[in-house]
Amino acid sequence: MENNIAIVVHGGAGPDSDYIRQNIEGYKKGLEEAINAGYAILENGGTSIDAVEAAVRSFENNPHFNAGKGSSLNEMAEVEMCSSIMEGSKLKSGAVAIVKGVKNPVSLAKAVMQKTKHIYLGQTGAETFAKEIHAELEPASYFMSEHNTEEFKKIKEAEQPKNEKPGRPMHGTVGAVAIDNIGNIAAATSTGGTEMNKQGRIGDSSMIGAGTYANNKTCGVSATGDGELNIQFVTSFHLSALMEYKGLSLKEACYYLIHEKAKDVDGDMGVIAVDKEGNIAAEFSSERMHRGWKSKKEALQVMIY
């Protein structure tokens, strides 16, 4: 008997903005494109790993989202990207951190999982590996969009004291979780960091258990929002543990973690998840979370607020 194939994606959770409202149709189209890219693979009998990679690559190629081409600029006006991917049958995973010039960090993370004995590569080591496997590379100018350059200038010109945050940072992440027709779950997450973050900052998106987790016995998860909070709460594994150790359903686990366990945090958190039956859940504590899903049981849906 075939499983209920399903995919759910997110394009980041955080504060609202005029830019998001002005480009809301572009965001919705980007969500649809990512969902369709992944679902087409599932529908044709492909694997959940390939599906989440395809969905995240779609986001990474879209300048509206904070990953790949749309990445934020750090304090040095540079793009440093992080990504991770995991499959739930054997708990295999791959991750890369602080990479520059790699068009699709999620594919590099997948290559780390499939082509090395390691799980996590960073900075120059990850970039050297990217060249060894002939990953697609782009010059720094490829990642410099009008929007991320403008956001960098705004924050730079705010002239805040050196260690003070200039307002609410427009953090963002993209992610996808899927289950294929033989019941394998996979999850992937990718980010371009936050505006003006310190050089070398690593968020949750490349950390297995924090930003990404997949286990066929429970669920697959991709987290978003403030990366430091997702590291603090070990968000993605936390959800799986709530299901495995406490017996909560997927929706109960997501709701409990975001709205009860983490209810007093000063910041934004969001999760998307799929369980072993193909049920989908999405919860967030922020003003908005770009999200959408499609399954054998549910038609394509996308939401921002």
Protein backbone atom coordinates (compact mmCIF):
# COMPACT_ATOMS: atom_id res chain seq x y z
CA MET A 1 0.00 0.00 0.00
CA GLU A 2 1.36 3.40 -0.99
CA ASN A 3 1.84 6.12 1.59
CA ASN A 4 0.22 9.52 1.57
CA ILE A 5 2.95 11.43 -0.28
CA ALA A 6 3.22 14.95 1.08
CA ILE A 7 5.44 18.01 1.10
CA VAL A 8 5.37 21.13 3.25
CA VAL A 9 7.65 24.14 2.82
CA HIS A 10 8.44 27.41 4.55
CA GLY A 11 10.03 30.61 3.32
CA GLY A 12 10.91 32.04 6.71
CA ALA A 13 9.17 33.34 9.84
CA GLY A 14 9.63 36.75 11.40
CA PRO A 15 8.38 40.33 11.51
CA ASP A 16 6.17 41.71 8.77
CA SER A 17 7.45 44.45 6.46
CA ASP A 18 6.36 46.82 3.71
CA TYR A 19 8.61 44.90 1.32
CA ILE A 20 6.77 41.63 2.03
CA ARG A 21 3.36 43.28 1.56
CA GLN A 22 4.46 44.93 -1.67
CA ASN A 23 5.77 41.63 -3.04
CA ILE A 24 3.20 39.26 -1.58
CA GLU A 25 2.23 37.76 -4.95
CA GLY A 26 5.89 37.07 -5.71
CA TYR A 27 6.24 35.30 -2.38
CA LYS A 28 3.14 33.19 -2.99
CA LYS A 29 4.37 32.28 -6.46
CA GLY A 30 7.75 31.31 -5.01
CA LEU A 31 6.08 29.06 -2.44
CA GLU A 32 4.00 27.39 -5.16
CA GLU A 33 7.06 26.83 -7.35
CA ALA A 34 8.99 25.23 -4.49
CA ILE A 35 6.08 22.96 -3.55
CA ASN A 36 5.49 21.91 -7.15
CA ALA A 37 9.20 21.22 -7.73
CA GLY A 38 9.27 18.82 -4.79
CA TYR A 39 5.83 17.28 -5.27
CA ALA A 40 6.50 16.43 -8.92
CA ILE A 41 9.36 14.19 -7.76
CA LEU A 42 7.18 12.48 -5.16
CA GLU A 43 4.34 12.02 -7.64
CA ASN A 44 6.70 10.30 -10.07
CA GLY A 45 7.89 7.85 -7.43
CA GLY A 46 11.02 9.80 -6.47
CA THR A 47 12.59 9.97 -3.03
CA SER A 48 11.79 12.42 -0.26
CA ILE A 49 15.47 13.46 -0.16
CA ASP A 50 15.35 14.50 -3.81
CA ALA A 51 12.01 16.23 -3.23
CA VAL A 52 13.18 18.43 -0.36
CA GLU A 53 16.39 19.24 -2.20
CA ALA A 54 14.41 20.36 -5.26
CA ALA A 55 12.04 22.50 -3.18
CA VAL A 56 14.88 24.21 -1.31
CA ARG A 57 16.87 24.75 -4.51
CA SER A 58 13.82 26.54 -5.91
CA PHE A 59 13.88 28.90 -2.94
CA GLU A 60 17.66 29.36 -3.18
CA ASN A 61 17.27 30.47 -6.81
CA ASN A 62 14.56 33.01 -5.94
CA PRO A 63 15.78 36.45 -4.75
CA HIS A 64 12.63 36.98 -2.65
CA PHE A 65 13.81 34.43 -0.08
CA ASN A 66 16.71 34.63 2.35
CA ALA A 67 18.79 31.74 1.03
CA GLY A 68 21.08 31.35 -1.96
CA LYS A 69 20.53 34.25 -4.34
CA GLY A 70 18.40 36.19 -1.84
CA SER A 71 20.79 35.87 1.11
CA SER A 72 21.32 38.68 3.60
CA LEU A 73 24.57 40.62 3.85
CA ASN A 74 26.65 40.26 7.02
CA GLU A 75 28.54 43.08 8.77
CA MET A 76 31.24 42.88 6.07
CA ALA A 77 28.63 43.20 3.28
CA GLU A 78 29.31 39.56 2.35
CA VAL A 79 27.02 36.57 1.88
CA GLU A 80 27.69 33.54 4.09
CA MET A 81 25.25 30.65 3.75
CA CYS A 82 24.33 27.59 5.81
CA SER A 83 22.26 24.50 4.98
CA SER A 84 21.48 20.98 6.14
CA ILE A 85 19.55 17.94 4.96
CA MET A 86 18.52 14.67 6.64
CA GLU A 87 16.73 11.44 5.77
CA GLY A 88 14.70 9.47 8.27
CA SER A 89 15.34 5.82 7.43
CA LYS A 90 18.95 5.58 8.64
CA LEU A 91 19.19 9.07 10.20
CA LYS A 92 21.84 10.08 7.68
CA SER A 93 22.52 13.79 7.28
CA GLY A 94 24.78 16.39 5.72
CA ALA A 95 25.43 20.04 6.47
CA VAL A 96 27.53 23.00 5.41
CA ALA A 97 28.18 26.30 7.19
CA ILE A 98 29.57 29.73 6.29
CA VAL A 99 29.90 28.97 2.58
CA LYS A 100 30.42 31.64 -0.08
CA GLY A 101 29.85 31.46 -3.81
CA VAL A 102 27.89 28.18 -3.81
CA LYS A 103 24.69 28.63 -5.81
CA ASN A 104 22.78 25.89 -4.00
CA PRO A 105 24.09 25.13 -0.49
CA VAL A 106 21.39 22.48 0.05
CA SER A 107 22.84 20.38 -2.77
CA LEU A 108 26.30 20.74 -1.25
CA ALA A 109 24.91 19.53 2.10
CA LYS A 110 23.35 16.55 0.31
CA ALA A 111 26.71 15.77 -1.30
CA VAL A 112 28.41 15.85 2.11
CA MET A 113 25.86 13.26 3.27
CA GLN A 114 26.19 11.02 0.22
CA LYS A 115 29.82 11.41 -0.85
CA THR A 116 31.84 11.80 2.35
CA LYS A 117 32.19 10.01 5.68
CA HIS A 118 31.39 13.30 7.43
CA ILE A 119 28.22 15.15 8.37
CA TYR A 120 29.30 18.77 8.71
CA LEU A 121 31.76 20.85 6.66
CA GLY A 122 32.42 24.55 7.14
CA GLN A 123 33.83 27.58 5.39
CA THR A 124 36.92 26.93 3.23
CA GLY A 125 36.68 23.16 3.67
CA ALA A 126 33.11 23.17 2.39
CA GLU A 127 34.07 25.45 -0.49
CA THR A 128 37.01 23.23 -1.45
CA PHE A 129 34.69 20.22 -1.42
CA ALA A 130 32.24 22.16 -3.62
CA LYS A 131 34.97 22.64 -6.22
CA GLU A 132 36.00 18.97 -5.99
CA ILE A 133 32.50 17.79 -6.86
CA HIS A 134 32.02 20.53 -9.46
CA ALA A 135 29.13 22.17 -7.63
CA GLU A 136 27.70 25.19 -9.39
CA LEU A 137 29.50 28.34 -8.22
CA GLU A 138 28.62 31.99 -8.70
CA PRO A 139 30.56 35.27 -8.26
CA ALA A 140 29.78 37.52 -5.28
CA SER A 141 27.77 39.84 -7.57
CA TYR A 142 25.21 37.05 -8.19
CA PHE A 143 24.12 37.23 -4.54
CA MET A 144 23.93 41.05 -4.39
CA SER A 145 20.29 41.93 -4.96
CA GLU A 146 18.77 45.39 -4.85
CA HIS A 147 16.80 44.41 -1.76
CA ASN A 148 19.61 42.96 0.36
CA THR A 149 21.89 45.87 -0.55
CA GLU A 150 19.20 48.36 0.43
CA GLU A 151 18.54 46.60 3.75
CA PHE A 152 22.27 46.61 4.53
CA LYS A 153 22.48 50.35 3.85
CA LYS A 154 19.45 51.10 6.04
CA ILE A 155 20.91 49.28 9.03
CA LYS A 156 24.40 50.67 8.45
CA GLU A 157 23.06 54.22 8.33
CA ALA A 158 21.03 53.77 11.52
CA GLU A 159 24.27 54.45 13.45
CA GLN A 160 23.31 52.39 16.45
CA PRO A 161 25.81 51.82 19.26
CA LYS A 162 28.22 49.06 18.26
CA ASN A 163 26.68 46.22 20.27
CA GLU A 164 23.04 47.23 19.94
CA LYS A 165 20.63 45.63 17.51
CA PRO A 166 19.35 48.19 14.96
CA GLY A 167 15.65 47.48 15.29
CA ARG A 168 14.17 44.06 14.44
CA PRO A 169 16.45 42.11 12.10
CA MET A 170 14.74 40.66 9.04
CA HIS A 171 15.88 37.11 9.58
CA GLY A 172 14.78 34.41 7.22
CA THR A 173 15.20 30.79 6.29
CA VAL A 174 13.74 28.36 3.79
CA GLY A 175 12.95 24.72 4.35
CA ALA A 176 11.07 21.66 3.15
CA VAL A 177 9.88 18.38 4.66
CA ALA A 178 8.47 15.45 2.66
CA ILE A 179 7.39 11.84 2.84
CA ASP A 180 7.60 9.60 -0.24
CA ASN A 181 5.51 6.65 -1.39
CA ILE A 182 7.56 4.10 0.57
CA GLY A 183 7.31 6.05 3.82
CA ASN A 184 10.74 7.66 3.94
CA ILE A 185 10.78 11.13 5.50
CA ALA A 186 13.33 13.84 4.68
CA ALA A 187 13.90 17.45 5.72
CA ALA A 188 16.14 20.26 4.52
CA THR A 189 16.80 23.85 5.60
CA SER A 190 18.85 26.68 4.10
CA THR A 191 19.59 30.28 5.05
CA GLY A 192 21.52 33.38 4.14
CA GLY A 193 21.71 34.51 7.77
CA THR A 194 20.45 37.83 9.14
CA GLU A 195 21.20 41.38 8.07
CA MET A 196 24.48 42.65 9.50
CA ASN A 197 25.15 39.50 11.53
CA LYS A 198 28.73 39.07 12.68
CA GLN A 199 31.12 37.49 10.22
CA GLY A 200 31.26 33.73 10.80
CA ARG A 201 27.89 33.56 12.57
CA ILE A 202 26.28 30.10 12.31
CA GLY A 203 22.54 29.78 12.86
CA ASP A 204 20.33 26.76 13.32
CA SER A 205 19.79 26.04 9.63
CA SER A 206 22.93 23.93 9.28
CA MET A 207 22.53 22.19 12.64
CA ILE A 208 20.97 18.74 12.71
CA GLY A 209 18.50 18.61 15.60
CA ALA A 210 18.11 22.38 15.77
CA GLY A 211 17.12 23.52 12.28
CA THR A 212 16.58 20.15 10.60
CA TYR A 213 15.62 16.65 11.71
CA ALA A 214 14.03 13.55 10.15
CA ASN A 215 13.13 10.19 11.65
CA ASN A 216 10.81 7.70 9.95
CA LYS A 217 9.52 6.59 13.36
CA THR A 218 8.22 10.06 14.22
CA CYS A 219 8.48 13.03 11.87
CA GLY A 220 10.56 15.38 9.75
CA VAL A 221 11.02 19.02 10.78
CA SER A 222 12.45 22.25 9.40
CA ALA A 223 12.65 25.20 11.80
CA THR A 224 12.75 28.93 11.13
CA GLY A 225 12.69 32.25 12.98
CA ASP A 226 15.50 33.32 15.32
CA GLY A 227 18.24 30.74 14.81
CA GLU A 228 19.65 31.24 18.27
CA LEU A 229 16.30 30.26 19.79
CA ASN A 230 16.08 27.12 17.68
CA ILE A 231 19.56 26.15 18.84
CA GLN A 232 18.61 26.87 22.45
CA PHE A 233 15.48 24.72 22.26
CA VAL A 234 16.99 22.08 19.92
CA THR A 235 13.71 22.66 18.12
CA SER A 236 13.62 20.02 15.41
CA PHE A 237 14.74 17.08 17.54
CA HIS A 238 12.62 18.42 20.41
CA LEU A 239 9.48 17.88 18.31
CA SER A 240 10.46 14.33 17.43
CA ALA A 241 11.22 13.61 21.10
CA LEU A 242 7.83 14.94 22.20
CA MET A 243 6.21 12.45 19.84
CA GLU A 244 8.47 9.51 20.69
CA TYR A 245 8.83 9.96 24.44
CA LYS A 246 5.62 11.74 25.39
CA GLY A 247 3.28 10.22 22.82
CA LEU A 248 2.03 13.53 21.40
CA SER A 249 0.62 13.75 17.89
CA LEU A 250 2.47 15.87 15.32
CA LYS A 251 0.11 18.83 15.71
CA GLU A 252 0.14 18.55 19.51
CA ALA A 253 3.95 18.49 19.60
CA CYS A 254 4.30 21.52 17.32
CA TYR A 255 1.72 23.51 19.26
CA TYR A 256 3.19 22.59 22.64
CA LEU A 257 6.75 23.54 21.73
CA ILE A 258 5.97 26.85 20.01
CA HIS A 259 3.06 28.12 22.12
CA GLU A 260 3.68 26.60 25.55
CA LYS A 261 7.28 25.51 26.08
CA ALA A 262 8.70 28.55 24.24
CA LYS A 263 5.86 30.98 25.01
CA ASP A 264 8.03 33.42 26.98
CA VAL A 265 10.90 33.79 24.48
CA ASP A 266 11.77 37.23 23.15
CA GLY A 267 11.82 36.46 19.46
CA ASP A 268 10.29 34.49 16.63
CA MET A 269 10.00 30.73 16.18
CA GLY A 270 8.32 28.62 13.53
CA VAL A 271 8.25 24.99 12.38
CA ILE A 272 6.91 22.88 9.56
CA ALA A 273 6.64 19.11 9.92
CA VAL A 274 5.36 15.87 8.41
CA ASP A 275 4.76 12.65 10.37
CA LYS A 276 4.99 9.00 9.30
CA GLU A 277 1.34 8.97 8.20
CA GLY A 278 1.86 11.99 5.95
CA ASN A 279 0.06 14.42 8.25
CA ILE A 280 1.28 18.02 7.96
CA ALA A 281 1.71 20.66 10.67
CA ALA A 282 2.90 24.26 10.73
CA GLU A 283 3.11 26.51 13.81
CA PHE A 284 4.72 29.90 14.43
CA SER A 285 4.86 32.65 17.04
CA SER A 286 5.92 35.43 14.65
CA GLU A 287 3.86 37.99 12.73
CA ARG A 288 4.09 35.85 9.62
CA MET A 289 5.52 32.61 8.27
CA HIS A 290 5.61 31.98 4.54
CA ARG A 291 4.38 28.40 4.18
CA GLY A 292 2.53 25.97 1.98
CA TRP A 293 1.91 22.29 1.36
CA LYS A 294 0.50 19.66 -0.94
CA SER A 295 -0.28 15.98 -0.47
CA LYS A 296 -2.26 13.14 -1.95
CA LYS A 297 -5.06 14.17 0.43
CA GLU A 298 -4.75 17.97 0.23
CA ALA A 299 -4.61 20.33 -2.74
CA LEU A 300 -1.84 22.92 -2.94
CA GLN A 301 -2.16 25.69 -0.35
CA VAL A 302 0.07 28.69 0.39
CA MET A 303 -0.16 31.19 3.25
CA ILE A 304 1.81 34.16 4.55
CA TYR A 305 -0.06 35.25 7.71
